[in-house]
Protein backbone atom coordinates (compact mmCIF):
# COMPACT_ATOMS: atom_id res chain seq x y z
CA UNK A 1 -14.60 134.60 149.35
CA UNK A 2 -13.18 132.61 152.30
CA UNK A 3 -15.74 134.30 154.60
CA UNK A 4 -18.60 133.23 152.30
CA UNK A 5 -17.34 129.63 152.24
CA UNK A 6 -16.92 129.64 156.01
CA UNK A 7 -20.43 131.04 156.36
CA UNK A 8 -21.79 128.41 153.98
CA UNK A 9 -20.02 125.64 155.91
CA UNK A 10 -21.61 126.92 159.11
CA UNK A 11 -25.04 126.91 157.44
CA UNK A 12 -24.45 123.33 156.31
CA UNK A 13 -23.59 122.26 159.88
CA UNK A 14 -26.66 124.04 161.23
CA UNK A 15 -28.97 122.18 158.85
CA UNK A 16 -27.63 118.72 159.49
CA UNK A 17 -30.19 116.56 161.30
CA UNK A 18 -27.45 115.21 163.59
CA UNK A 19 -26.01 117.32 166.37
CA UNK A 20 -22.54 118.58 165.38
CA UNK A 21 -19.85 120.34 167.40
CA UNK A 22 -16.18 121.21 167.01
CA UNK A 23 -13.66 121.38 169.81
CA UNK A 24 -10.00 122.22 170.02
CA UNK A 25 -7.52 119.70 171.34
CA UNK A 26 -8.15 120.87 174.92
CA UNK A 27 -11.84 120.05 174.74
CA UNK A 28 -13.02 123.64 174.41
CA UNK A 29 -16.14 123.92 172.23
CA UNK A 30 -15.44 126.21 169.27
CA UNK A 31 -18.51 125.47 167.13
CA UNK A 32 -22.05 124.52 168.19
CA UNK A 33 -24.48 123.28 165.53
CA UNK A 34 -28.09 124.41 165.78
CA UNK A 35 -29.35 120.82 166.15
CA UNK A 36 -27.38 120.56 169.40
CA UNK A 37 -29.80 122.98 171.02
CA UNK A 38 -32.62 120.42 170.61
CA UNK A 39 -30.40 117.70 172.03
CA UNK A 40 -28.80 119.47 175.00
CA UNK A 41 -30.91 122.60 175.48
CA UNK A 42 -27.93 125.00 175.25
CA UNK A 43 -27.83 127.91 172.79
CA UNK A 44 -24.60 128.54 170.94
CA UNK A 45 -23.79 131.67 172.98
CA UNK A 46 -24.23 129.64 176.19
CA UNK A 47 -21.87 126.81 175.33
CA UNK A 48 -19.20 128.01 172.91
CA UNK A 49 -15.97 128.47 174.80
CA UNK A 50 -17.03 126.01 177.51
CA UNK A 51 -15.46 122.61 178.14
CA UNK A 52 -17.05 119.56 176.55
CA UNK A 53 -16.98 117.94 180.02
CA UNK A 54 -20.10 120.00 180.79
CA UNK A 55 -22.08 117.78 178.41
CA UNK A 56 -21.14 114.35 179.71
CA UNK A 57 -21.61 112.53 182.95
CA UNK A 58 -18.63 112.37 185.29
CA UNK A 59 -18.90 108.60 185.33
CA UNK A 60 -18.51 108.34 181.54
CA UNK A 61 -15.82 105.73 181.03
CA UNK A 62 -13.86 107.59 178.32
CA UNK A 63 -12.37 110.99 179.21
CA UNK A 64 -11.71 113.57 176.53
CA UNK A 65 -7.98 112.86 176.63
CA UNK A 66 -8.68 109.17 176.16
CA UNK A 67 -11.00 110.08 173.31
CA UNK A 68 -8.23 112.03 171.57
CA UNK A 69 -5.79 109.18 172.03
CA UNK A 70 -8.24 106.67 170.54
CA UNK A 71 -8.94 108.98 167.59
CA UNK A 72 -5.22 109.52 166.94
CA UNK A 73 -4.72 105.76 166.91
CA UNK A 74 -7.73 104.74 164.85
CA UNK A 75 -8.53 107.89 162.86
CA UNK A 76 -12.14 107.94 164.11
CA UNK A 77 -14.25 106.21 166.74
CA UNK A 78 -17.94 105.71 167.48
CA UNK A 79 -19.95 104.51 170.46
CA UNK A 80 -22.71 105.16 172.98
CA UNK A 81 -22.27 108.03 175.44
CA UNK A 82 -24.46 109.18 178.28
CA UNK A 83 -24.99 112.92 177.90
CA UNK A 84 -26.28 115.58 180.31
CA UNK A 85 -28.77 118.20 179.15
CA UNK A 86 -28.96 121.77 180.41
CA UNK A 87 -31.74 120.77 182.82
CA UNK A 88 -29.44 117.96 184.10
CA UNK A 89 -31.53 115.24 182.48
CA UNK A 90 -29.53 112.30 181.18
CA UNK A 91 -29.82 111.16 177.58
CA UNK A 92 -28.25 108.38 175.52
CA UNK A 93 -26.31 109.43 172.43
CA UNK A 94 -24.78 107.69 169.47
CA UNK A 95 -21.47 109.52 168.98
CA UNK A 96 -19.03 109.65 166.03
CA UNK A 97 -15.69 111.41 166.58
CA UNK A 98 -12.96 112.30 164.08
CA UNK A 99 -9.81 114.46 164.25
CA UNK A 100 -9.29 117.12 161.58
CA UNK A 101 -6.04 118.77 160.63
CA UNK A 102 -5.22 121.83 158.57
CA UNK A 103 -2.29 122.14 156.20
CA UNK A 104 -1.39 118.45 156.80
CA UNK A 105 0.01 119.32 160.20
CA UNK A 106 -0.79 117.98 163.65
CA UNK A 107 -4.59 117.67 164.20
CA UNK A 108 -5.98 120.65 166.00
CA UNK A 109 -9.76 120.21 165.63
CA UNK A 110 -12.05 117.43 166.84
CA UNK A 111 -15.41 117.05 165.08
CA UNK A 112 -18.15 115.27 167.01
CA UNK A 113 -21.49 114.13 165.57
CA UNK A 114 -24.31 113.17 167.93
CA UNK A 115 -27.68 111.45 167.66
CA UNK A 116 -30.18 111.26 170.50
CA UNK A 117 -31.12 107.59 170.87
CA UNK A 118 -32.86 107.80 174.24
CA UNK A 119 -36.22 106.77 172.75
CA UNK A 120 -34.54 103.87 171.00
CA UNK A 121 -32.82 102.85 174.23
CA UNK A 122 -36.15 103.04 176.05
CA UNK A 123 -37.77 100.88 173.38
CA UNK A 124 -34.91 98.40 173.63
CA UNK A 125 -35.34 98.23 177.41
CA UNK A 126 -39.07 97.65 176.99
CA UNK A 127 -38.40 94.94 174.43
CA UNK A 128 -35.88 93.30 176.75
CA UNK A 129 -38.37 93.42 179.62
CA UNK A 130 -41.13 92.02 177.40
CA UNK A 131 -38.82 89.30 176.16
CA UNK A 132 -37.76 88.48 179.72
CA UNK A 133 -41.40 88.38 180.84
CA UNK A 134 -42.38 86.16 177.91
CA UNK A 135 -39.43 83.86 178.62
CA UNK A 136 -40.37 83.64 182.32
CA UNK A 137 -43.99 82.86 181.43
CA UNK A 138 -42.79 80.27 178.93
CA UNK A 139 -40.34 78.62 181.32
CA UNK A 140 -42.62 78.67 184.37
CA UNK A 141 -45.88 77.65 182.71
CA UNK A 142 -47.57 74.70 184.41
CA UNK A 143 -48.39 73.36 180.95
CA UNK A 144 -45.66 71.82 178.83
CA UNK A 145 -44.97 73.94 175.73
CA UNK A 146 -42.98 72.90 172.67
CA UNK A 147 -42.14 74.87 169.54
CA UNK A 148 -41.81 72.81 166.36
CA UNK A 149 -40.68 73.73 162.85
CA UNK A 150 -42.59 72.71 159.72
CA UNK A 151 -40.51 69.53 159.43
CA UNK A 152 -41.50 68.39 162.90
CA UNK A 153 -38.24 69.15 164.74
CA UNK A 154 -38.37 70.58 168.28
CA UNK A 155 -36.25 73.71 168.52
CA UNK A 156 -37.52 75.01 171.86
CA UNK A 157 -39.39 73.74 174.91
CA UNK A 158 -40.00 74.85 178.47
CA UNK A 159 -39.07 73.24 181.78
CA UNK A 160 -42.47 71.52 182.10
CA UNK A 161 -41.78 69.50 178.93
CA UNK A 162 -38.53 68.18 180.37
CA UNK A 163 -40.23 67.25 183.63
CA UNK A 164 -43.20 65.65 181.90
CA UNK A 165 -41.10 63.52 179.55
CA UNK A 166 -38.10 62.96 181.83
CA UNK A 167 -35.40 64.66 179.74
CA UNK A 168 -32.46 66.76 180.90
CA UNK A 169 -31.62 70.28 179.73
CA UNK A 170 -31.06 70.59 175.95
CA UNK A 171 -31.75 66.89 175.28
CA UNK A 172 -34.91 67.60 173.32
CA UNK A 173 -33.49 70.35 171.10
CA UNK A 174 -33.43 69.15 167.50
CA UNK A 175 -35.28 65.91 168.21
CA UNK A 176 -38.14 64.91 165.97
CA UNK A 177 -41.47 65.45 167.73
CA UNK A 178 -42.53 61.86 167.08
CA UNK A 179 -39.88 60.71 169.55
CA UNK A 180 -42.05 62.03 172.39
CA UNK A 181 -45.43 62.09 170.57
CA UNK A 182 -45.26 59.09 168.23
CA UNK A 183 -48.79 59.44 166.87
CA UNK A 184 -48.66 63.09 165.79
CA UNK A 185 -49.93 63.02 162.19
CA UNK A 186 -47.41 63.98 159.50
CA UNK A 187 -46.44 63.35 155.89
CA UNK A 188 -43.03 63.21 154.21
CA UNK A 189 -41.82 66.69 153.38
CA UNK A 190 -44.04 68.49 155.85
CA UNK A 191 -45.39 68.44 159.38
CA UNK A 192 -49.07 68.35 160.35
CA UNK A 193 -50.42 67.86 156.83
CA UNK A 194 -52.31 64.64 157.49
CA UNK A 195 -55.64 64.15 159.23
CA UNK A 196 -55.87 67.33 161.27
CA UNK A 197 -57.74 69.96 159.29
CA UNK A 198 -58.38 70.54 155.62
CA UNK A 199 -57.82 74.29 156.07
CA UNK A 200 -54.39 75.65 155.29
CA UNK A 201 -53.87 77.20 158.72
CA UNK A 202 -54.03 75.29 161.98
CA UNK A 203 -55.47 77.26 164.86
CA UNK A 204 -56.07 75.78 168.29
CA UNK A 205 -56.37 72.17 167.13
CA UNK A 206 -56.79 69.80 170.10
CA UNK A 207 -55.18 66.40 169.65
CA UNK A 208 -55.45 63.53 172.11
CA UNK A 209 -52.29 61.48 171.78
CA UNK A 210 -49.96 59.08 173.51
CA UNK A 211 -46.82 60.62 174.99
CA UNK A 212 -43.62 58.62 175.45
CA UNK A 213 -41.24 59.38 178.31
CA UNK A 214 -37.48 59.02 178.01
CA UNK A 215 -37.70 55.63 179.77
CA UNK A 216 -40.27 54.39 177.23
CA UNK A 217 -43.34 54.77 179.46
CA UNK A 218 -46.45 55.76 177.51
CA UNK A 219 -49.11 58.06 178.93
CA UNK A 220 -52.13 59.96 177.55
CA UNK A 221 -51.74 63.64 176.69
CA UNK A 222 -53.75 66.40 175.08
CA UNK A 223 -51.95 68.87 172.81
CA UNK A 224 -53.41 72.18 171.66
CA UNK A 225 -51.61 72.97 168.42
CA UNK A 226 -51.39 76.40 166.80
CA UNK A 227 -49.65 77.57 163.65
CA UNK A 228 -47.58 80.77 163.61
CA UNK A 229 -45.78 82.57 160.79
CA UNK A 230 -42.47 83.73 162.26
CA UNK A 231 -39.54 85.26 160.38
CA UNK A 232 -41.04 84.10 157.05
CA UNK A 233 -41.23 80.55 158.37
CA UNK A 234 -44.12 78.40 159.53
CA UNK A 235 -43.77 77.09 163.08
CA UNK A 236 -46.12 75.28 165.44
CA UNK A 237 -46.62 75.73 169.16
CA UNK A 238 -47.96 72.80 171.12
CA UNK A 239 -49.36 73.16 174.65
CA UNK A 240 -49.32 69.69 176.22
CA UNK A 241 -51.26 68.50 179.25
CA UNK A 242 -50.85 65.15 180.99
CA UNK A 243 -54.23 63.38 180.99
CA UNK A 244 -53.19 60.44 183.18
CA UNK A 245 -55.12 61.49 186.28
CA UNK A 246 -58.16 62.59 184.26
CA UNK A 247 -58.22 59.34 182.31
CA UNK A 248 -57.85 57.26 185.48
CA UNK A 249 -60.79 59.14 187.02
CA UNK A 250 -62.91 58.80 183.87
CA UNK A 251 -62.06 55.12 183.64
CA UNK A 252 -62.99 54.56 187.27
CA UNK A 253 -66.29 56.42 186.80
CA UNK A 254 -67.02 54.28 183.76
CA UNK A 255 -66.11 51.09 185.61
CA UNK A 256 -68.43 52.04 188.47
CA UNK A 257 -71.22 52.71 185.97
CA UNK A 258 -70.46 49.50 184.13
CA UNK A 259 -70.47 47.49 187.33
CA UNK A 260 -73.76 49.08 188.32
CA UNK A 261 -75.29 48.30 184.91
CA UNK A 262 -74.15 44.70 185.18
CA UNK A 263 -75.57 44.47 188.70
CA UNK A 264 -78.92 45.85 187.52
CA UNK A 265 -78.83 43.53 184.50
CA UNK A 266 -78.18 40.52 186.71
CA UNK A 267 -80.94 41.58 189.09
CA UNK A 268 -83.33 41.95 186.17
CA UNK A 269 -82.36 38.53 184.80
CA UNK A 270 -82.02 36.56 188.01
CA UNK A 271 -84.48 38.47 190.21
CA UNK A 272 -87.32 40.13 188.36
CA UNK A 273 -87.02 37.70 185.44
CA UNK A 274 -87.37 34.69 187.70
CA UNK A 275 -90.33 36.28 189.51
CA UNK A 276 -92.09 37.00 186.22
CA UNK A 277 -91.41 33.45 185.05
CA UNK A 278 -92.98 32.14 188.27
CA UNK A 279 -96.02 34.39 187.86
CA UNK A 280 -96.43 33.23 184.26
CA UNK A 281 -96.28 29.57 185.27
CA UNK A 282 -98.79 30.10 188.10
CA UNK A 283 -101.10 31.95 185.72
CA UNK A 284 -100.89 29.17 183.14
CA UNK A 285 -101.60 26.53 185.81
CA UNK A 286 -104.54 28.55 187.13
CA UNK A 287 -105.96 28.86 183.61
CA UNK A 288 -105.75 25.08 183.16
CA UNK A 289 -107.57 24.43 186.48
CA UNK A 290 -110.27 26.92 185.64
CA UNK A 291 -110.69 25.31 182.25
CA UNK A 292 -110.96 21.81 183.79
CA UNK A 293 -113.65 22.92 186.23
CA UNK A 294 -115.43 24.99 183.63
CA UNK A 295 -115.01 28.12 185.71
CA UNK A 296 -115.37 31.55 184.10
CA UNK A 297 -112.35 33.80 183.60
CA UNK A 298 -110.11 31.34 181.75
CA UNK A 299 -109.52 33.73 178.84
CA UNK A 300 -108.63 36.58 181.18
CA UNK A 301 -106.13 34.46 183.07
CA UNK A 302 -104.58 33.25 179.78
CA UNK A 303 -104.27 36.88 178.66
CA UNK A 304 -102.54 37.75 181.92
CA UNK A 305 -100.14 34.83 181.47
CA UNK A 306 -99.34 36.02 177.93
CA UNK A 307 -98.69 39.57 179.12
CA UNK A 308 -96.42 38.30 181.90
CA UNK A 309 -94.56 36.21 179.30
CA UNK A 310 -94.01 39.32 177.15
CA UNK A 311 -92.84 41.25 180.20
CA UNK A 312 -90.44 38.41 181.07
CA UNK A 313 -88.95 38.40 177.57
CA UNK A 314 -88.63 42.19 177.59
CA UNK A 315 -86.90 42.05 180.97
CA UNK A 316 -84.41 39.50 179.71
CA UNK A 317 -83.76 41.63 176.60
CA UNK A 318 -83.02 44.62 178.85
CA UNK A 319 -80.70 42.52 180.99
CA UNK A 320 -78.78 41.32 177.92
CA UNK A 321 -78.35 44.94 176.80
CA UNK A 322 -76.98 45.91 180.21
CA UNK A 323 -74.74 42.86 180.47
CA UNK A 324 -72.86 42.04 177.27
CA UNK A 325 -72.78 38.33 177.98
CA UNK A 326 -70.92 37.33 174.80
CA UNK A 327 -67.93 39.56 175.55
CA UNK A 328 -67.86 38.64 179.19
CA UNK A 329 -67.70 34.95 178.36
CA UNK A 330 -66.00 34.78 174.97
CA UNK A 331 -64.24 38.13 174.42
CA UNK A 332 -64.08 40.96 171.92
CA UNK A 333 -63.34 38.72 168.95
CA UNK A 334 -66.67 36.88 169.25
CA UNK A 335 -68.52 40.13 169.87
CA UNK A 336 -67.14 41.68 166.65
CA UNK A 337 -67.84 38.52 164.65
CA UNK A 338 -71.47 38.60 165.75
CA UNK A 339 -71.65 42.34 165.05
CA UNK A 340 -70.50 41.81 161.45
CA UNK A 341 -72.80 38.81 160.97
CA UNK A 342 -75.79 40.72 162.34
CA UNK A 343 -75.20 43.73 160.06
CA UNK A 344 -74.82 41.49 157.02
CA UNK A 345 -78.04 39.62 157.81
CA UNK A 346 -80.06 42.75 158.61
CA UNK A 347 -78.82 45.10 155.86
CA UNK A 348 -77.59 42.74 153.14
CA UNK A 349 -74.31 44.71 153.05
CA UNK A 350 -71.08 42.72 153.14
CA UNK A 351 -69.50 43.21 156.58
CA UNK A 352 -66.45 41.01 157.15
CA UNK A 353 -64.42 40.39 160.28
CA UNK A 354 -60.66 39.80 160.25
CA UNK A 355 -58.10 39.45 163.02
CA UNK A 356 -54.36 39.14 163.40
CA UNK A 357 -52.25 38.20 166.39
CA UNK A 358 -53.47 36.94 169.74
CA UNK A 359 -56.62 39.03 170.08
CA UNK A 360 -57.91 37.64 173.38
CA UNK A 361 -58.34 40.60 175.76
CA UNK A 362 -58.96 39.83 179.41
CA UNK A 363 -59.96 43.36 180.38
CA UNK A 364 -63.72 43.61 179.90
CA UNK A 365 -63.71 47.43 179.85
CA UNK A 366 -61.20 47.58 176.98
CA UNK A 367 -63.27 45.04 175.05
CA UNK A 368 -66.52 46.92 175.63
CA UNK A 369 -65.13 50.32 174.57
CA UNK A 370 -63.50 48.90 171.43
CA UNK A 371 -66.72 47.05 170.57
CA UNK A 372 -68.77 50.25 170.88
CA UNK A 373 -66.26 52.16 168.72
CA UNK A 374 -66.41 49.49 166.01
CA UNK A 375 -70.21 49.39 166.27
CA UNK A 376 -70.49 53.16 165.78
CA UNK A 377 -68.03 53.11 162.86
CA UNK A 378 -70.01 50.37 161.09
CA UNK A 379 -73.27 52.26 161.68
CA UNK A 380 -71.72 55.46 160.25
CA UNK A 381 -70.48 53.60 157.16
CA UNK A 382 -73.99 52.37 156.45
CA UNK A 383 -75.99 55.48 157.40
CA UNK A 384 -73.74 58.30 156.19
CA UNK A 385 -71.29 56.88 153.66
CA UNK A 386 -73.59 54.61 151.59
CA UNK A 387 -71.03 51.81 151.81
CA UNK A 388 -71.69 48.35 150.39
CA UNK A 389 -68.49 46.74 151.68
CA UNK A 390 -67.14 46.96 155.23
CA UNK A 391 -64.19 45.25 156.91
CA UNK A 392 -63.65 45.18 160.68
CA UNK A 393 -60.08 44.24 161.59
CA UNK A 394 -58.87 43.49 165.13
CA UNK A 395 -55.13 43.21 165.78
CA UNK A 396 -52.99 43.01 168.89
CA UNK A 397 -49.27 43.10 169.63
CA UNK A 398 -47.36 43.27 172.94
CA UNK A 399 -47.86 47.05 173.14
CA UNK A 400 -51.14 47.95 171.41
CA UNK A 401 -54.62 46.79 170.50
CA UNK A 402 -55.96 48.17 167.24
CA UNK A 403 -59.47 48.10 165.74
CA UNK A 404 -59.78 49.30 162.15
CA UNK A 405 -63.07 49.72 160.28
CA UNK A 406 -62.67 50.25 156.52
CA UNK A 407 -65.49 50.94 154.05
CA UNK A 408 -65.79 51.80 150.37
CA UNK A 409 -68.44 54.46 150.88
CA UNK A 410 -68.50 58.14 149.96
CA UNK A 411 -66.51 59.16 153.02
CA UNK A 412 -66.77 62.53 154.74
CA UNK A 413 -64.58 65.51 155.56
CA UNK A 414 -63.27 65.79 159.10
CA UNK A 415 -64.74 69.27 159.49
CA UNK A 416 -68.26 68.45 158.26
CA UNK A 417 -71.26 67.53 160.37
CA UNK A 418 -70.48 63.83 160.50
CA UNK A 419 -66.84 64.37 161.45
CA UNK A 420 -67.76 66.55 164.41
CA UNK A 421 -70.98 64.73 165.26
CA UNK A 422 -71.80 63.35 168.67
CA UNK A 423 -71.04 59.77 167.58
CA UNK A 424 -67.50 60.64 166.47
CA UNK A 425 -66.90 62.67 169.62
CA UNK A 426 -68.00 59.74 171.79
CA UNK A 427 -65.74 57.39 169.84
CA UNK A 428 -62.78 59.71 170.38
CA UNK A 429 -63.65 60.04 174.04
CA UNK A 430 -63.81 56.26 174.49
CA UNK A 431 -60.40 55.88 172.84
CA UNK A 432 -58.95 58.68 174.96
CA UNK A 433 -60.39 57.19 178.15
CA UNK A 434 -58.41 54.02 177.41
CA UNK A 435 -55.25 56.10 176.93
CA UNK A 436 -55.33 55.73 173.16
CA UNK A 437 -56.45 57.71 170.13
CA UNK A 438 -58.76 57.46 167.14
CA UNK A 439 -58.15 58.79 163.63
CA UNK A 440 -60.23 58.97 160.47
CA UNK A 441 -58.61 59.19 157.06
CA UNK A 442 -59.17 58.57 153.37
CA UNK A 443 -56.83 55.87 152.00
CA UNK A 444 -55.08 55.76 148.65
CA UNK A 445 -57.77 53.30 147.50
CA UNK A 446 -60.44 55.95 148.16
CA UNK A 447 -61.70 54.06 151.19
CA UNK A 448 -62.61 55.56 154.55
CA UNK A 449 -60.67 54.12 157.47
CA UNK A 450 -61.51 54.55 161.13
CA UNK A 451 -58.58 53.43 163.28
CA UNK A 452 -58.53 53.16 167.05
CA UNK A 453 -55.31 52.31 168.91
CA UNK A 454 -55.11 51.76 172.68
CA UNK A 455 -52.40 50.41 174.98
CA UNK A 456 -52.48 46.65 175.45
CA UNK A 457 -52.73 46.92 179.23
CA UNK A 458 -54.25 49.73 181.24
């Protein structure tokens, strides 16, 4: 009976998925489970009776005697060991060791269970390398990268963010994103819900915003925002680029073009216009002389004079279009007042102008861009939204200039044709070129509001 039980116990050991061996207290192997052959490559007849030291690297920190001492003290131990196969290949093993005793006497058998975890170790090493590579790419990216939770708190950022915004290590962790990007759209109880996309998932949204450095300096940035589901949570990654140099270049290009347009306008008005006026006067005088002397050709000369007059008026109209005289002389406020008055007179739709604060802007380029933005917004309200009431509001404080155009029309979705149309894109570009931003939203009163905010001084 005892032989059958012993045989059955051996069969149990042989069918365990883990490698199993028994040694005496001197480290001599007295039982070798069949699974060990797959792990080490030794058959039972090759290893039984040999020392366990054959299976482990000489540099293994824990000797067999130390193993026995640890087991006697703690009952059992477990850990990672570096094993040596028959072909001298090294493998990593998870090892569990326990001392057994018979007849409640001093332990005389050591049972060792083994699991080959070399593939797991290899996977762990690959994961560590991948993680290290990703971290290096993250830290050394030329673009500033922030990671934000769904409440808008920054919980990670790379070195470029700290350099761009002037913060020291760890200063940004936990800060609300609006401390460095004050105009990122948000709503209470959730981040990025307002005025970005109507779709539930944000993917590669480009936002042109104002960044704020630690010292309070504002500068234009572009942020590409993406939404990621991570560990059952929604997070956002923002890749931020400093647009200061680009905006300065764009602004300079625009100023050169604007100066050239004004020069051409002045030349048309003061040069060609004066010449045409002189030709018209000479033609009219010639017609009178011909008429007095009864000479033929009076009608032809009068027709020439009339055509020159039309050409003169057309030239002056072109020059006024190239040189916005009202804004150059009287400012943005007068220009917007006339815009509203003109639309009311031409369309019959109520278009009111309001202002608050000291709205006089000395910079002609700021005035011209804001005027064109307001003009396009009013046109959109009439053409696309079927509005019958429009309000243009200009406000200014020590830091910002704001133009808001509100209408009671049908409105439009940000993602539809009007929202991504050329006119809207140009409006956004104008605002961005001034270092500001433009947003379109539907108010609680079911009105459409176009709002453009730019720094007070460039």
